[in-house]
Amino acid sequence: MATLTKAENEVIMRARSLKGEIAEVVQLSHKTLEAASGQLADYYKTIPHGELSERIKLSFDAFDLNKSNTLDKDELREALAEMGKRPTEDELNVLFSEWDLDGNGTIEPDEFDHMVRQSLQITHTCLCRVCKVRNEAAATKEAAEVKAIQDAEAAREALARKASSGSAKGPAMGAGKGKGGR
């Protein structure tokens, strides 16, 4: 039976030690990125709207590797990685379902601008395409919720009218069904 030499054992022990050290460095890096992201977000909140849009567009252009004026999933994944985020495929799909407003499978500059602003928690509303689509969707949802409430109230009122007209005509429902009243 072959055994490892002392040198081979030392290499294995050193590799195990390095693995732990690497894990610590990665964890520290994540904490540093989180702290920096917060400071970066605070900084970006102080930049005037137009200037921030220009900076976001410059970033967009840098990530648009094929110069198509759109970001596909691979380009967006790379952009997010440079921002310290490593989305899973599912998370990337969710981002596209939320921000690819025209459903063409790419993110346009205005969609990217709004996505960045939301991730930095910088409020933004204007009359651009993204705001119009999102506002229309919110209005449609609100109208549906109001209609559902109105329909429920109308149904309650109809039941109340039916119950009150039924009690005027005769005994209430369930009368005579007390103990042994079957």
Protein backbone atom coordinates (compact mmCIF):
# COMPACT_ATOMS: atom_id res chain seq x y z
CA MET A 1 0.00 0.00 0.00
CA ALA A 2 1.40 3.36 -1.09
CA THR A 3 1.50 6.27 1.31
CA LEU A 4 1.91 9.97 0.69
CA THR A 5 5.28 11.53 1.22
CA LYS A 6 5.80 14.25 3.77
CA ALA A 7 6.00 16.84 0.96
CA GLU A 8 2.72 15.61 -0.56
CA ASN A 9 1.00 15.80 2.82
CA GLU A 10 2.31 19.35 3.29
CA VAL A 11 0.93 20.37 -0.12
CA ILE A 12 -2.49 18.93 0.78
CA MET A 13 -2.51 20.69 4.16
CA ARG A 14 -1.48 23.98 2.55
CA ALA A 15 -4.23 23.64 -0.08
CA ARG A 16 -6.81 23.08 2.67
CA SER A 17 -5.51 26.10 4.51
CA LEU A 18 -5.66 28.24 1.35
CA LYS A 19 -9.22 27.10 0.68
CA GLY A 20 -10.29 28.52 4.05
CA GLU A 21 -8.36 31.74 3.48
CA ILE A 22 -9.94 32.16 0.03
CA ALA A 23 -13.41 31.68 1.49
CA GLU A 24 -12.68 34.42 4.04
CA VAL A 25 -11.43 36.78 1.31
CA VAL A 26 -14.52 36.13 -0.81
CA GLN A 27 -16.80 36.80 2.18
CA LEU A 28 -14.93 40.01 2.98
CA SER A 29 -15.16 41.05 -0.68
CA HIS A 30 -18.93 40.57 -0.64
CA LYS A 31 -19.22 42.71 2.50
CA THR A 32 -17.03 45.39 0.91
CA LEU A 33 -19.14 45.39 -2.28
CA GLU A 34 -22.34 45.73 -0.24
CA ALA A 35 -20.91 48.67 1.72
CA ALA A 36 -19.59 50.30 -1.44
CA SER A 37 -22.94 49.80 -3.20
CA GLY A 38 -24.68 51.70 -0.42
CA GLN A 39 -22.19 54.55 -0.60
CA LEU A 40 -22.36 54.56 -4.39
CA ALA A 41 -26.16 54.72 -4.29
CA ASP A 42 -25.99 57.66 -1.88
CA TYR A 43 -23.52 59.39 -4.19
CA TYR A 44 -25.66 58.82 -7.29
CA LYS A 45 -28.67 60.30 -5.52
CA THR A 46 -26.84 63.65 -5.41
CA ILE A 47 -26.22 63.76 -9.17
CA PRO A 48 -28.71 65.83 -11.21
CA HIS A 49 -31.16 63.77 -13.27
CA GLY A 50 -29.75 64.59 -16.70
CA GLU A 51 -26.14 64.04 -15.69
CA LEU A 52 -27.02 60.70 -14.08
CA SER A 53 -28.80 59.62 -17.27
CA GLU A 54 -25.65 60.46 -19.26
CA ARG A 55 -23.48 58.40 -16.90
CA ILE A 56 -25.88 55.46 -17.04
CA LYS A 57 -25.88 55.66 -20.86
CA LEU A 58 -22.07 55.62 -20.91
CA SER A 59 -22.15 52.49 -18.76
CA PHE A 60 -24.77 50.96 -21.03
CA ASP A 61 -22.60 51.64 -24.08
CA ALA A 62 -19.60 50.02 -22.37
CA PHE A 63 -21.61 46.85 -21.69
CA ASP A 64 -23.14 46.79 -25.19
CA LEU A 65 -20.31 44.70 -26.63
CA ASN A 66 -21.83 44.20 -30.10
CA LYS A 67 -22.89 47.88 -30.32
CA SER A 68 -26.50 46.95 -31.08
CA ASN A 69 -27.84 49.65 -28.72
CA THR A 70 -29.41 46.83 -26.68
CA LEU A 71 -28.20 44.46 -23.97
CA ASP A 72 -28.87 40.77 -24.37
CA LYS A 73 -28.83 38.42 -21.37
CA ASP A 74 -25.10 37.78 -21.57
CA GLU A 75 -24.30 41.49 -21.75
CA LEU A 76 -26.65 42.29 -18.86
CA ARG A 77 -25.18 39.44 -16.81
CA GLU A 78 -21.72 40.95 -17.38
CA ALA A 79 -22.96 44.44 -16.50
CA LEU A 80 -24.48 43.17 -13.25
CA ALA A 81 -21.29 41.25 -12.43
CA GLU A 82 -19.31 44.47 -12.72
CA MET A 83 -21.80 46.03 -10.30
CA GLY A 84 -21.09 43.24 -7.82
CA LYS A 85 -24.20 41.19 -8.53
CA ARG A 86 -24.15 37.63 -9.86
CA PRO A 87 -27.73 36.83 -10.85
CA THR A 88 -28.86 33.26 -11.41
CA GLU A 89 -30.53 32.40 -14.71
CA ASP A 90 -33.92 32.62 -12.96
CA GLU A 91 -33.09 36.05 -11.53
CA LEU A 92 -31.98 37.21 -14.96
CA ASN A 93 -35.26 35.96 -16.44
CA VAL A 94 -37.18 37.90 -13.77
CA LEU A 95 -35.24 41.06 -14.62
CA PHE A 96 -36.06 40.63 -18.28
CA SER A 97 -39.74 39.98 -17.56
CA GLU A 98 -39.85 43.15 -15.48
CA TRP A 99 -37.71 45.47 -17.62
CA ASP A 100 -37.90 44.22 -21.22
CA LEU A 101 -41.09 46.19 -21.76
CA ASP A 102 -41.50 45.40 -25.46
CA GLY A 103 -40.66 41.71 -24.96
CA ASN A 104 -38.00 41.65 -27.68
CA GLY A 105 -35.48 39.77 -25.52
CA THR A 106 -33.16 42.73 -25.02
CA ILE A 107 -32.85 45.70 -22.70
CA GLU A 108 -32.84 49.11 -24.39
CA PRO A 109 -31.05 52.15 -22.95
CA ASP A 110 -34.18 53.67 -21.37
CA GLU A 111 -35.10 50.33 -19.77
CA PHE A 112 -31.53 50.00 -18.42
CA ASP A 113 -31.64 53.57 -17.07
CA HIS A 114 -34.76 52.81 -15.07
CA MET A 115 -33.45 49.44 -13.91
CA VAL A 116 -30.27 51.06 -12.58
CA ARG A 117 -32.23 53.84 -10.88
CA GLN A 118 -34.50 51.32 -9.19
CA SER A 119 -31.58 49.20 -8.03
CA LEU A 120 -30.01 52.36 -6.56
CA GLN A 121 -33.40 53.29 -5.07
CA ILE A 122 -33.48 56.58 -6.97
CA THR A 123 -37.05 57.51 -7.77
CA HIS A 124 -37.75 58.54 -11.30
CA THR A 125 -40.86 59.47 -13.20
CA CYS A 126 -41.13 61.31 -16.46
CA LEU A 127 -42.96 61.01 -19.74
CA CYS A 128 -40.51 58.54 -21.28
CA ARG A 129 -41.62 55.20 -22.74
CA VAL A 130 -40.66 53.20 -19.64
CA CYS A 131 -42.55 55.47 -17.24
CA LYS A 132 -45.60 55.52 -19.53
CA VAL A 133 -45.74 51.72 -19.77
CA ARG A 134 -45.21 51.25 -16.03
CA ASN A 135 -47.77 53.96 -15.16
CA GLU A 136 -50.33 52.43 -17.54
CA ALA A 137 -49.76 49.00 -15.99
CA ALA A 138 -50.17 50.45 -12.50
CA ALA A 139 -53.35 52.28 -13.53
CA THR A 140 -54.78 49.11 -15.11
CA LYS A 141 -54.02 47.12 -11.96
CA GLU A 142 -55.55 49.80 -9.75
CA ALA A 143 -58.68 49.96 -11.93
CA ALA A 144 -59.05 46.17 -11.71
CA GLU A 145 -58.70 46.31 -7.92
CA VAL A 146 -61.30 49.10 -7.68
CA LYS A 147 -63.69 47.14 -9.92
CA ALA A 148 -63.24 44.01 -7.80
CA ILE A 149 -64.05 46.00 -4.64
CA GLN A 150 -67.10 47.57 -6.31
CA ASP A 151 -68.30 44.15 -7.52
CA ALA A 152 -67.89 42.69 -4.02
CA GLU A 153 -69.81 45.59 -2.48
CA ALA A 154 -72.60 45.23 -5.07
CA ALA A 155 -72.83 41.50 -4.36
CA ARG A 156 -73.01 42.16 -0.60
CA GLU A 157 -75.75 44.73 -1.13
CA ALA A 158 -77.70 42.33 -3.36
CA LEU A 159 -77.43 39.59 -0.73
CA ALA A 160 -78.52 42.01 1.98
CA ARG A 161 -81.55 43.10 -0.10
CA LYS A 162 -82.44 39.49 -0.83
CA ALA A 163 -82.10 38.55 2.84
CA SER A 164 -84.20 41.51 4.00
CA SER A 165 -86.92 40.89 1.39
CA GLY A 166 -86.91 37.17 2.29
CA SER A 167 -87.35 37.86 6.01
CA ALA A 168 -90.32 40.12 5.32
CA LYS A 169 -92.08 37.32 3.40
CA GLY A 170 -91.66 34.52 5.90
CA PRO A 171 -89.53 32.87 8.52
CA ALA A 172 -85.80 33.37 8.40
CA MET A 173 -83.67 30.72 6.81
CA GLY A 174 -82.99 27.87 9.19
CA ALA A 175 -86.01 28.60 11.39
CA GLY A 176 -87.38 25.49 13.04
CA LYS A 177 -84.10 23.65 12.79
CA GLY A 178 -83.17 23.92 16.42
CA LYS A 179 -82.50 20.87 18.57
CA GLY A 180 -84.76 18.12 17.40
CA GLY A 181 -86.44 20.41 14.85
CA ARG A 182 -85.64 18.25 11.83
